[in-house]
Amino acid sequence: PGGELPTADMYDFLAEQWALENPGRPCGTRRPVELRVRLTCSLRTW
């Protein structure tokens, strides 16, 4: 939010995690992203 930081920088450790868990396997088209889902609900339900 605000465009101040690309998700690639925010979640770069997830790419490292995948590489460690899948040695030698290409990452293909994987990329760091943020999924945002807006809900209408109570805090307890959330």
All heavy atoms as atom14 arrays in JSON, in Angstrom:
{
  "sequence": "PGGELPTADMYDFLAEQWALENPGRPCGTRRPVELRVRLTCSLRTW",
  "atom14_mask": [
    [1, 1, 1, 1, 1, 1, 1, 0, 0, 0, 0, 0, 0, 0],
    [1, 1, 1, 1, 0, 0, 0, 0, 0, 0, 0, 0, 0, 0],
    [1, 1, 1, 1, 0, 0, 0, 0, 0, 0, 0, 0, 0, 0],
    [1, 1, 1, 1, 1, 1, 1, 1, 1, 0, 0, 0, 0, 0],
    [1, 1, 1, 1, 1, 1, 1, 1, 0, 0, 0, 0, 0, 0],
    [1, 1, 1, 1, 1, 1, 1, 0, 0, 0, 0, 0, 0, 0],
    [1, 1, 1, 1, 1, 1, 1, 0, 0, 0, 0, 0, 0, 0],
    [1, 1, 1, 1, 1, 0, 0, 0, 0, 0, 0, 0, 0, 0],
    [1, 1, 1, 1, 1, 1, 1, 1, 0, 0, 0, 0, 0, 0],
    [1, 1, 1, 1, 1, 1, 1, 1, 0, 0, 0, 0, 0, 0],
    [1, 1, 1, 1, 1, 1, 1, 1, 1, 1, 1, 1, 0, 0],
    [1, 1, 1, 1, 1, 1, 1, 1, 0, 0, 0, 0, 0, 0],
    [1, 1, 1, 1, 1, 1, 1, 1, 1, 1, 1, 0, 0, 0],
    [1, 1, 1, 1, 1, 1, 1, 1, 0, 0, 0, 0, 0, 0],
    [1, 1, 1, 1, 1, 0, 0, 0, 0, 0, 0, 0, 0, 0],
    [1, 1, 1, 1, 1, 1, 1, 1, 1, 0, 0, 0, 0, 0],
    [1, 1, 1, 1, 1, 1, 1, 1, 1, 0, 0, 0, 0, 0],
    [1, 1, 1, 1, 1, 1, 1, 1, 1, 1, 1, 1, 1, 1],
    [1, 1, 1, 1, 1, 0, 0, 0, 0, 0, 0, 0, 0, 0],
    [1, 1, 1, 1, 1, 1, 1, 1, 0, 0, 0, 0, 0, 0],
    [1, 1, 1, 1, 1, 1, 1, 1, 1, 0, 0, 0, 0, 0],
    [1, 1, 1, 1, 1, 1, 1, 1, 0, 0, 0, 0, 0, 0],
    [1, 1, 1, 1, 1, 1, 1, 0, 0, 0, 0, 0, 0, 0],
    [1, 1, 1, 1, 0, 0, 0, 0, 0, 0, 0, 0, 0, 0],
    [1, 1, 1, 1, 1, 1, 1, 1, 1, 1, 1, 0, 0, 0],
    [1, 1, 1, 1, 1, 1, 1, 0, 0, 0, 0, 0, 0, 0],
    [1, 1, 1, 1, 1, 1, 0, 0, 0, 0, 0, 0, 0, 0],
    [1, 1, 1, 1, 0, 0, 0, 0, 0, 0, 0, 0, 0, 0],
    [1, 1, 1, 1, 1, 1, 1, 0, 0, 0, 0, 0, 0, 0],
    [1, 1, 1, 1, 1, 1, 1, 1, 1, 1, 1, 0, 0, 0],
    [1, 1, 1, 1, 1, 1, 1, 1, 1, 1, 1, 0, 0, 0],
    [1, 1, 1, 1, 1, 1, 1, 0, 0, 0, 0, 0, 0, 0],
    [1, 1, 1, 1, 1, 1, 1, 0, 0, 0, 0, 0, 0, 0],
    [1, 1, 1, 1, 1, 1, 1, 1, 1, 0, 0, 0, 0, 0],
    [1, 1, 1, 1, 1, 1, 1, 1, 0, 0, 0, 0, 0, 0],
    [1, 1, 1, 1, 1, 1, 1, 1, 1, 1, 1, 0, 0, 0],
    [1, 1, 1, 1, 1, 1, 1, 0, 0, 0, 0, 0, 0, 0],
    [1, 1, 1, 1, 1, 1, 1, 1, 1, 1, 1, 0, 0, 0],
    [1, 1, 1, 1, 1, 1, 1, 1, 0, 0, 0, 0, 0, 0],
    [1, 1, 1, 1, 1, 1, 1, 0, 0, 0, 0, 0, 0, 0],
    [1, 1, 1, 1, 1, 1, 0, 0, 0, 0, 0, 0, 0, 0],
    [1, 1, 1, 1, 1, 1, 0, 0, 0, 0, 0, 0, 0, 0],
    [1, 1, 1, 1, 1, 1, 1, 1, 0, 0, 0, 0, 0, 0],
    [1, 1, 1, 1, 1, 1, 1, 1, 1, 1, 1, 0, 0, 0],
    [1, 1, 1, 1, 1, 1, 1, 0, 0, 0, 0, 0, 0, 0],
    [1, 1, 1, 1, 1, 1, 1, 1, 1, 1, 1, 1, 1, 1]
  ],
  "atom14_positions": [
    [[0.83, -1.21, 0.0], [0.0, 0.0, 0.0], [0.86, 1.26, 0.0], [1.88, 1.33, 0.68], [-0.79, -0.12, 1.31], [-0.83, -1.58, 1.58], [0.49, -2.12, 1.08], [0.0, 0.0, 0.0], [0.0, 0.0, 0.0], [0.0, 0.0, 0.0], [0.0, 0.0, 0.0], [0.0, 0.0, 0.0], [0.0, 0.0, 0.0], [0.0, 0.0, 0.0]],
    [[0.49, 2.21, -0.8], [1.25, 3.44, -0.93], [2.35, 3.34, -1.97], [2.98, 4.33, -2.31], [0.0, 0.0, 0.0], [0.0, 0.0, 0.0], [0.0, 0.0, 0.0], [0.0, 0.0, 0.0], [0.0, 0.0, 0.0], [0.0, 0.0, 0.0], [0.0, 0.0, 0.0], [0.0, 0.0, 0.0], [0.0, 0.0, 0.0], [0.0, 0.0, 0.0]],
    [[2.59, 2.13, -2.47], [3.59, 1.92, -3.51], [5.02, 2.1, -3.07], [5.92, 2.15, -3.89], [0.0, 0.0, 0.0], [0.0, 0.0, 0.0], [0.0, 0.0, 0.0], [0.0, 0.0, 0.0], [0.0, 0.0, 0.0], [0.0, 0.0, 0.0], [0.0, 0.0, 0.0], [0.0, 0.0, 0.0], [0.0, 0.0, 0.0], [0.0, 0.0, 0.0]],
    [[5.26, 2.18, -1.73], [6.61, 2.47, -1.29], [7.57, 1.27, -1.34], [8.77, 1.45, -1.36], [6.61, 3.06, 0.13], [6.17, 2.1, 1.22], [4.68, 2.06, 1.46], [3.93, 2.76, 0.77], [4.27, 1.32, 2.36], [0.0, 0.0, 0.0], [0.0, 0.0, 0.0], [0.0, 0.0, 0.0], [0.0, 0.0, 0.0], [0.0, 0.0, 0.0]],
    [[7.04, 0.05, -1.37], [7.92, -1.13, -1.35], [7.34, -2.22, -2.24], [6.2, -2.64, -2.03], [8.05, -1.63, 0.09], [8.99, -2.78, 0.37], [10.43, -2.36, 0.09], [8.86, -3.22, 1.82], [0.0, 0.0, 0.0], [0.0, 0.0, 0.0], [0.0, 0.0, 0.0], [0.0, 0.0, 0.0], [0.0, 0.0, 0.0], [0.0, 0.0, 0.0]],
    [[8.09, -2.69, -3.22], [7.59, -3.79, -4.05], [7.44, -5.06, -3.22], [8.22, -5.3, -2.29], [8.67, -3.97, -5.11], [9.58, -2.8, -5.0], [9.4, -2.22, -3.64], [0.0, 0.0, 0.0], [0.0, 0.0, 0.0], [0.0, 0.0, 0.0], [0.0, 0.0, 0.0], [0.0, 0.0, 0.0], [0.0, 0.0, 0.0], [0.0, 0.0, 0.0]],
    [[6.45, -5.87, -3.53], [6.25, -7.12, -2.79], [7.46, -8.03, -2.95], [7.76, -8.83, -2.07], [4.98, -7.86, -3.23], [5.04, -8.09, -4.63], [3.74, -7.1, -2.87], [0.0, 0.0, 0.0], [0.0, 0.0, 0.0], [0.0, 0.0, 0.0], [0.0, 0.0, 0.0], [0.0, 0.0, 0.0], [0.0, 0.0, 0.0], [0.0, 0.0, 0.0]],
    [[8.18, -7.92, -4.08], [9.37, -8.74, -4.28], [10.39, -8.47, -3.17], [11.07, -9.38, -2.72], [9.98, -8.46, -5.65], [0.0, 0.0, 0.0], [0.0, 0.0, 0.0], [0.0, 0.0, 0.0], [0.0, 0.0, 0.0], [0.0, 0.0, 0.0], [0.0, 0.0, 0.0], [0.0, 0.0, 0.0], [0.0, 0.0, 0.0], [0.0, 0.0, 0.0]],
    [[10.48, -7.23, -2.71], [11.39, -6.9, -1.62], [10.82, -7.33, -0.27], [11.54, -7.81, 0.59], [11.67, -5.4, -1.59], [12.48, -4.94, -2.79], [13.09, -5.79, -3.47], [12.49, -3.73, -3.05], [0.0, 0.0, 0.0], [0.0, 0.0, 0.0], [0.0, 0.0, 0.0], [0.0, 0.0, 0.0], [0.0, 0.0, 0.0], [0.0, 0.0, 0.0]],
    [[9.53, -7.16, -0.09], [8.88, -7.5, 1.17], [8.91, -9.0, 1.44], [9.06, -9.44, 2.57], [7.43, -6.99, 1.15], [6.66, -7.27, 2.39], [7.26, -6.26, 3.73], [6.16, -6.76, 5.02], [0.0, 0.0, 0.0], [0.0, 0.0, 0.0], [0.0, 0.0, 0.0], [0.0, 0.0, 0.0], [0.0, 0.0, 0.0], [0.0, 0.0, 0.0]],
    [[8.72, -9.8, 0.39], [8.61, -11.24, 0.55], [9.73, -12.01, -0.12], [9.57, -13.18, -0.48], [7.25, -11.72, -0.01], [6.07, -11.09, 0.69], [5.2, -10.26, 0.0], [5.83, -11.33, 2.02], [4.11, -9.69, 0.64], [4.75, -10.76, 2.67], [3.89, -9.94, 1.97], [2.82, -9.38, 2.62], [0.0, 0.0, 0.0], [0.0, 0.0, 0.0]],
    [[10.91, -11.4, -0.27], [12.02, -12.07, -0.93], [12.45, -13.35, -0.2], [12.9, -14.31, -0.82], [13.2, -11.13, -1.12], [13.78, -10.62, 0.2], [13.11, -10.75, 1.25], [14.9, -10.08, 0.18], [0.0, 0.0, 0.0], [0.0, 0.0, 0.0], [0.0, 0.0, 0.0], [0.0, 0.0, 0.0], [0.0, 0.0, 0.0], [0.0, 0.0, 0.0]],
    [[12.25, -13.41, 1.1], [12.64, -14.6, 1.86], [11.79, -15.82, 1.48], [12.21, -16.96, 1.67], [12.55, -14.35, 3.37], [11.15, -14.12, 3.86], [10.4, -15.17, 4.35], [10.58, -12.85, 3.8], [9.1, -14.97, 4.8], [9.29, -12.65, 4.25], [8.55, -13.71, 4.74], [0.0, 0.0, 0.0], [0.0, 0.0, 0.0], [0.0, 0.0, 0.0]],
    [[10.58, -15.6, 0.93], [9.75, -16.73, 0.51], [10.36, -17.43, -0.69], [10.29, -18.66, -0.8], [8.33, -16.26, 0.2], [7.53, -15.72, 1.38], [6.19, -15.17, 0.92], [7.35, -16.78, 2.46], [0.0, 0.0, 0.0], [0.0, 0.0, 0.0], [0.0, 0.0, 0.0], [0.0, 0.0, 0.0], [0.0, 0.0, 0.0], [0.0, 0.0, 0.0]],
    [[10.98, -16.68, -1.59], [11.67, -17.29, -2.73], [12.86, -18.1, -2.22], [13.12, -19.21, -2.71], [12.13, -16.21, -3.7], [0.0, 0.0, 0.0], [0.0, 0.0, 0.0], [0.0, 0.0, 0.0], [0.0, 0.0, 0.0], [0.0, 0.0, 0.0], [0.0, 0.0, 0.0], [0.0, 0.0, 0.0], [0.0, 0.0, 0.0], [0.0, 0.0, 0.0]],
    [[13.56, -17.58, -1.23], [14.68, -18.31, -0.64], [14.19, -19.59, 0.04], [14.83, -20.64, -0.06], [15.42, -17.43, 0.36], [16.11, -16.25, -0.28], [16.63, -15.24, 0.74], [16.75, -15.6, 1.94], [16.9, -14.11, 0.35], [0.0, 0.0, 0.0], [0.0, 0.0, 0.0], [0.0, 0.0, 0.0], [0.0, 0.0, 0.0], [0.0, 0.0, 0.0]],
    [[13.06, -19.51, 0.73], [12.48, -20.68, 1.39], [12.17, -21.75, 0.35], [12.49, -22.92, 0.53], [11.22, -20.31, 2.15], [10.5, -21.49, 2.76], [9.15, -21.12, 3.36], [8.89, -19.96, 3.67], [8.28, -22.09, 3.52], [0.0, 0.0, 0.0], [0.0, 0.0, 0.0], [0.0, 0.0, 0.0], [0.0, 0.0, 0.0], [0.0, 0.0, 0.0]],
    [[11.53, -21.35, -0.75], [11.18, -22.31, -1.79], [12.43, -22.97, -2.37], [12.48, -24.18, -2.57], [10.38, -21.63, -2.9], [9.77, -22.62, -3.82], [8.58, -23.23, -3.69], [10.36, -23.15, -5.01], [8.37, -24.12, -4.73], [9.46, -24.08, -5.55], [11.56, -22.93, -5.67], [9.72, -24.79, -6.71], [11.83, -23.63, -6.83], [10.9, -24.55, -7.34]],
    [[13.48, -22.17, -2.62], [14.72, -22.71, -3.18], [15.37, -23.71, -2.22], [15.89, -24.74, -2.65], [15.69, -21.57, -3.5], [0.0, 0.0, 0.0], [0.0, 0.0, 0.0], [0.0, 0.0, 0.0], [0.0, 0.0, 0.0], [0.0, 0.0, 0.0], [0.0, 0.0, 0.0], [0.0, 0.0, 0.0], [0.0, 0.0, 0.0], [0.0, 0.0, 0.0]],
    [[15.33, -23.44, -0.92], [15.89, -24.37, 0.06], [15.09, -25.66, 0.15], [15.67, -26.74, 0.33], [15.95, -23.71, 1.44], [17.01, -22.63, 1.63], [16.81, -21.91, 2.96], [18.41, -23.22, 1.55], [0.0, 0.0, 0.0], [0.0, 0.0, 0.0], [0.0, 0.0, 0.0], [0.0, 0.0, 0.0], [0.0, 0.0, 0.0], [0.0, 0.0, 0.0]],
    [[13.78, -25.56, 0.04], [12.92, -26.73, 0.16], [12.85, -27.55, -1.14], [12.42, -28.69, -1.13], [11.51, -26.32, 0.57], [11.45, -25.78, 1.99], [10.08, -25.27, 2.37], [9.19, -25.13, 1.5], [9.88, -25.0, 3.56], [0.0, 0.0, 0.0], [0.0, 0.0, 0.0], [0.0, 0.0, 0.0], [0.0, 0.0, 0.0], [0.0, 0.0, 0.0]],
    [[13.25, -26.94, -2.24], [13.18, -27.59, -3.56], [14.5, -27.44, -4.3], [14.55, -26.85, -5.38], [12.04, -26.98, -4.39], [10.7, -27.14, -3.73], [10.08, -28.17, -3.85], [10.26, -26.12, -3.01], [0.0, 0.0, 0.0], [0.0, 0.0, 0.0], [0.0, 0.0, 0.0], [0.0, 0.0, 0.0], [0.0, 0.0, 0.0], [0.0, 0.0, 0.0]],
    [[15.61, -27.98, -3.73], [16.92, -27.76, -4.35], [16.99, -28.3, -5.78], [16.51, -29.39, -6.07], [17.88, -28.53, -3.43], [17.03, -29.46, -2.63], [15.65, -28.87, -2.6], [0.0, 0.0, 0.0], [0.0, 0.0, 0.0], [0.0, 0.0, 0.0], [0.0, 0.0, 0.0], [0.0, 0.0, 0.0], [0.0, 0.0, 0.0], [0.0, 0.0, 0.0]],
    [[17.55, -27.47, -6.65], [17.74, -27.86, -8.04], [16.5, -27.79, -8.9], [16.56, -27.98, -10.11], [0.0, 0.0, 0.0], [0.0, 0.0, 0.0], [0.0, 0.0, 0.0], [0.0, 0.0, 0.0], [0.0, 0.0, 0.0], [0.0, 0.0, 0.0], [0.0, 0.0, 0.0], [0.0, 0.0, 0.0], [0.0, 0.0, 0.0], [0.0, 0.0, 0.0]],
    [[15.36, -27.51, -8.31], [14.11, -27.42, -9.06], [13.89, -25.98, -9.51], [13.97, -25.06, -8.7], [12.97, -27.87, -8.16], [11.75, -28.31, -8.91], [10.8, -29.02, -7.98], [9.46, -28.66, -8.38], [8.42, -28.63, -7.58], [8.55, -28.94, -6.32], [7.25, -28.3, -8.04], [0.0, 0.0, 0.0], [0.0, 0.0, 0.0], [0.0, 0.0, 0.0]],
    [[13.61, -25.75, -10.79], [13.41, -24.36, -11.25], [12.13, -23.77, -10.64], [11.16, -24.48, -10.37], [13.28, -24.49, -12.76], [12.91, -25.91, -13.01], [13.46, -26.72, -11.88], [0.0, 0.0, 0.0], [0.0, 0.0, 0.0], [0.0, 0.0, 0.0], [0.0, 0.0, 0.0], [0.0, 0.0, 0.0], [0.0, 0.0, 0.0], [0.0, 0.0, 0.0]],
    [[12.14, -22.48, -10.43], [10.98, -21.81, -9.82], [9.86, -21.57, -10.81], [8.74, -21.25, -10.41], [11.39, -20.51, -9.15], [11.94, -19.25, -10.29], [0.0, 0.0, 0.0], [0.0, 0.0, 0.0], [0.0, 0.0, 0.0], [0.0, 0.0, 0.0], [0.0, 0.0, 0.0], [0.0, 0.0, 0.0], [0.0, 0.0, 0.0], [0.0, 0.0, 0.0]],
    [[10.12, -21.74, -12.09], [9.08, -21.55, -13.09], [8.58, -20.11, -13.1], [9.37, -19.18, -13.12], [0.0, 0.0, 0.0], [0.0, 0.0, 0.0], [0.0, 0.0, 0.0], [0.0, 0.0, 0.0], [0.0, 0.0, 0.0], [0.0, 0.0, 0.0], [0.0, 0.0, 0.0], [0.0, 0.0, 0.0], [0.0, 0.0, 0.0], [0.0, 0.0, 0.0]],
    [[7.28, -19.94, -13.03], [6.7, -18.59, -13.09], [6.31, -18.07, -11.7], [5.56, -17.12, -11.6], [5.46, -18.58, -14.0], [4.49, -19.51, -13.5], [5.83, -18.94, -15.43], [0.0, 0.0, 0.0], [0.0, 0.0, 0.0], [0.0, 0.0, 0.0], [0.0, 0.0, 0.0], [0.0, 0.0, 0.0], [0.0, 0.0, 0.0], [0.0, 0.0, 0.0]],
    [[6.82, -18.71, -10.65], [6.52, -18.23, -9.3], [7.08, -16.83, -9.11], [8.13, -16.49, -9.63], [7.13, -19.17, -8.26], [6.41, -20.46, -8.13], [7.15, -21.37, -7.14], [6.49, -22.64, -7.01], [6.59, -23.65, -7.86], [7.36, -23.51, -8.92], [5.95, -24.77, -7.68], [0.0, 0.0, 0.0], [0.0, 0.0, 0.0], [0.0, 0.0, 0.0]],
    [[6.36, -16.05, -8.31], [6.81, -14.69, -7.99], [6.22, -14.29, -6.65], [5.17, -14.82, -6.24], [6.4, -13.71, -9.07], [4.89, -13.58, -9.22], [4.52, -12.76, -10.46], [3.12, -12.87, -10.75], [2.18, -12.04, -10.3], [2.52, -11.04, -9.52], [0.92, -12.2, -10.63], [0.0, 0.0, 0.0], [0.0, 0.0, 0.0], [0.0, 0.0, 0.0]],
    [[6.85, -13.36, -5.94], [6.28, -12.89, -4.68], [5.1, -11.95, -4.96], [5.23, -11.02, -5.77], [7.42, -12.13, -4.01], [8.62, -12.33, -4.87], [8.17, -12.83, -6.19], [0.0, 0.0, 0.0], [0.0, 0.0, 0.0], [0.0, 0.0, 0.0], [0.0, 0.0, 0.0], [0.0, 0.0, 0.0], [0.0, 0.0, 0.0], [0.0, 0.0, 0.0]],
    [[3.98, -12.23, -4.34], [2.78, -11.39, -4.47], [2.1, -11.32, -3.11], [2.4, -12.09, -2.2], [1.76, -11.93, -5.5], [2.35, -11.91, -6.9], [1.28, -13.31, -5.13], [0.0, 0.0, 0.0], [0.0, 0.0, 0.0], [0.0, 0.0, 0.0], [0.0, 0.0, 0.0], [0.0, 0.0, 0.0], [0.0, 0.0, 0.0], [0.0, 0.0, 0.0]],
    [[1.19, -10.39, -2.99], [0.36, -10.32, -1.79], [-1.09, -10.48, -2.21], [-1.6, -9.72, -3.03], [0.55, -9.0, -1.05], [-0.2, -8.99, 0.26], [0.13, -7.79, 1.11], [-0.42, -6.71, 0.84], [0.93, -7.94, 2.05], [0.0, 0.0, 0.0], [0.0, 0.0, 0.0], [0.0, 0.0, 0.0], [0.0, 0.0, 0.0], [0.0, 0.0, 0.0]],
    [[-1.75, -11.51, -1.66], [-3.18, -11.73, -1.89], [-3.93, -10.97, -0.81], [-3.69, -11.17, 0.38], [-3.51, -13.22, -1.81], [-5.0, -13.58, -1.91], [-5.57, -13.18, -3.27], [-5.21, -15.06, -1.65], [0.0, 0.0, 0.0], [0.0, 0.0, 0.0], [0.0, 0.0, 0.0], [0.0, 0.0, 0.0], [0.0, 0.0, 0.0], [0.0, 0.0, 0.0]],
    [[-4.82, -10.08, -1.23], [-5.64, -9.3, -0.3], [-7.1, -9.62, -0.56], [-7.59, -9.47, -1.67], [-5.4, -7.81, -0.51], [-3.98, -7.4, -0.27], [-3.78, -5.92, -0.58], [-2.35, -5.62, -0.54], [-1.8, -4.64, -1.2], [-2.54, -3.84, -1.96], [-0.51, -4.43, -1.13], [0.0, 0.0, 0.0], [0.0, 0.0, 0.0], [0.0, 0.0, 0.0]],
    [[-7.77, -10.08, 0.49], [-9.19, -10.42, 0.38], [-9.94, -9.56, 1.4], [-9.66, -9.6, 2.59], [-9.44, -11.92, 0.67], [-10.91, -12.24, 0.53], [-8.62, -12.78, -0.26], [0.0, 0.0, 0.0], [0.0, 0.0, 0.0], [0.0, 0.0, 0.0], [0.0, 0.0, 0.0], [0.0, 0.0, 0.0], [0.0, 0.0, 0.0], [0.0, 0.0, 0.0]],
    [[-10.88, -8.76, 0.89], [-11.69, -7.91, 1.76], [-12.99, -8.63, 2.1], [-13.66, -9.16, 1.21], [-11.95, -6.57, 1.08], [-10.69, -5.72, 1.02], [-10.84, -4.47, 0.19], [-11.21, -4.69, -1.21], [-10.4, -5.18, -2.14], [-9.18, -5.54, -1.85], [-10.81, -5.32, -3.38], [0.0, 0.0, 0.0], [0.0, 0.0, 0.0], [0.0, 0.0, 0.0]],
    [[-13.29, -8.67, 3.39], [-14.47, -9.37, 3.89], [-15.35, -8.42, 4.68], [-14.86, -7.45, 5.24], [-14.05, -10.5, 4.86], [-13.06, -11.53, 4.38], [-12.54, -12.34, 5.55], [-13.74, -12.44, 3.38], [0.0, 0.0, 0.0], [0.0, 0.0, 0.0], [0.0, 0.0, 0.0], [0.0, 0.0, 0.0], [0.0, 0.0, 0.0], [0.0, 0.0, 0.0]],
    [[-16.62, -8.75, 4.76], [-17.52, -8.1, 5.7], [-17.89, -9.17, 6.71], [-18.5, -10.18, 6.35], [-18.79, -7.58, 4.99], [-18.38, -6.66, 3.98], [-19.71, -6.89, 5.96], [0.0, 0.0, 0.0], [0.0, 0.0, 0.0], [0.0, 0.0, 0.0], [0.0, 0.0, 0.0], [0.0, 0.0, 0.0], [0.0, 0.0, 0.0], [0.0, 0.0, 0.0]],
    [[-17.44, -8.97, 7.96], [-17.7, -9.96, 8.99], [-17.31, -9.39, 10.36], [-16.74, -8.31, 10.45], [-16.91, -11.24, 8.73], [-15.13, -11.02, 8.71], [0.0, 0.0, 0.0], [0.0, 0.0, 0.0], [0.0, 0.0, 0.0], [0.0, 0.0, 0.0], [0.0, 0.0, 0.0], [0.0, 0.0, 0.0], [0.0, 0.0, 0.0], [0.0, 0.0, 0.0]],
    [[-17.61, -10.15, 11.39], [-17.2, -9.76, 12.74], [-15.72, -10.1, 12.92], [-15.15, -10.89, 12.17], [-18.03, -10.52, 13.78], [-17.7, -11.89, 13.75], [0.0, 0.0, 0.0], [0.0, 0.0, 0.0], [0.0, 0.0, 0.0], [0.0, 0.0, 0.0], [0.0, 0.0, 0.0], [0.0, 0.0, 0.0], [0.0, 0.0, 0.0], [0.0, 0.0, 0.0]],
    [[-15.12, -9.53, 13.96], [-13.73, -9.83, 14.27], [-13.56, -11.32, 14.59], [-12.6, -11.95, 14.16], [-13.24, -8.97, 15.43], [-11.79, -9.19, 15.87], [-10.83, -8.95, 14.71], [-11.46, -8.29, 17.06], [0.0, 0.0, 0.0], [0.0, 0.0, 0.0], [0.0, 0.0, 0.0], [0.0, 0.0, 0.0], [0.0, 0.0, 0.0], [0.0, 0.0, 0.0]],
    [[-14.48, -11.86, 15.31], [-14.42, -13.29, 15.67], [-14.45, -14.17, 14.41], [-13.68, -15.13, 14.3], [-15.59, -13.62, 16.58], [-15.58, -15.02, 17.08], [-16.73, -15.23, 18.03], [-16.61, -16.52, 18.66], [-17.41, -16.96, 19.58], [-18.39, -16.2, 20.02], [-17.25, -18.14, 20.1], [0.0, 0.0, 0.0], [0.0, 0.0, 0.0], [0.0, 0.0, 0.0]],
    [[-15.31, -13.84, 13.48], [-15.38, -14.61, 12.23], [-14.12, -14.44, 11.42], [-13.59, -15.4, 10.86], [-16.62, -14.19, 11.42], [-17.79, -14.45, 12.21], [-16.72, -14.92, 10.11], [0.0, 0.0, 0.0], [0.0, 0.0, 0.0], [0.0, 0.0, 0.0], [0.0, 0.0, 0.0], [0.0, 0.0, 0.0], [0.0, 0.0, 0.0], [0.0, 0.0, 0.0]],
    [[-13.59, -13.22, 11.35], [-12.34, -12.97, 10.64], [-11.22, -13.82, 11.2], [-10.47, -14.45, 10.45], [-11.98, -11.48, 10.72], [-10.68, -11.13, 10.09], [-10.45, -10.83, 8.79], [-9.4, -11.07, 10.73], [-9.1, -10.58, 8.57], [-8.45, -10.72, 9.76], [-8.98, -11.26, 12.04], [-7.1, -10.56, 10.06], [-7.62, -11.11, 12.34], [-6.71, -10.76, 11.35]]
  ]
}
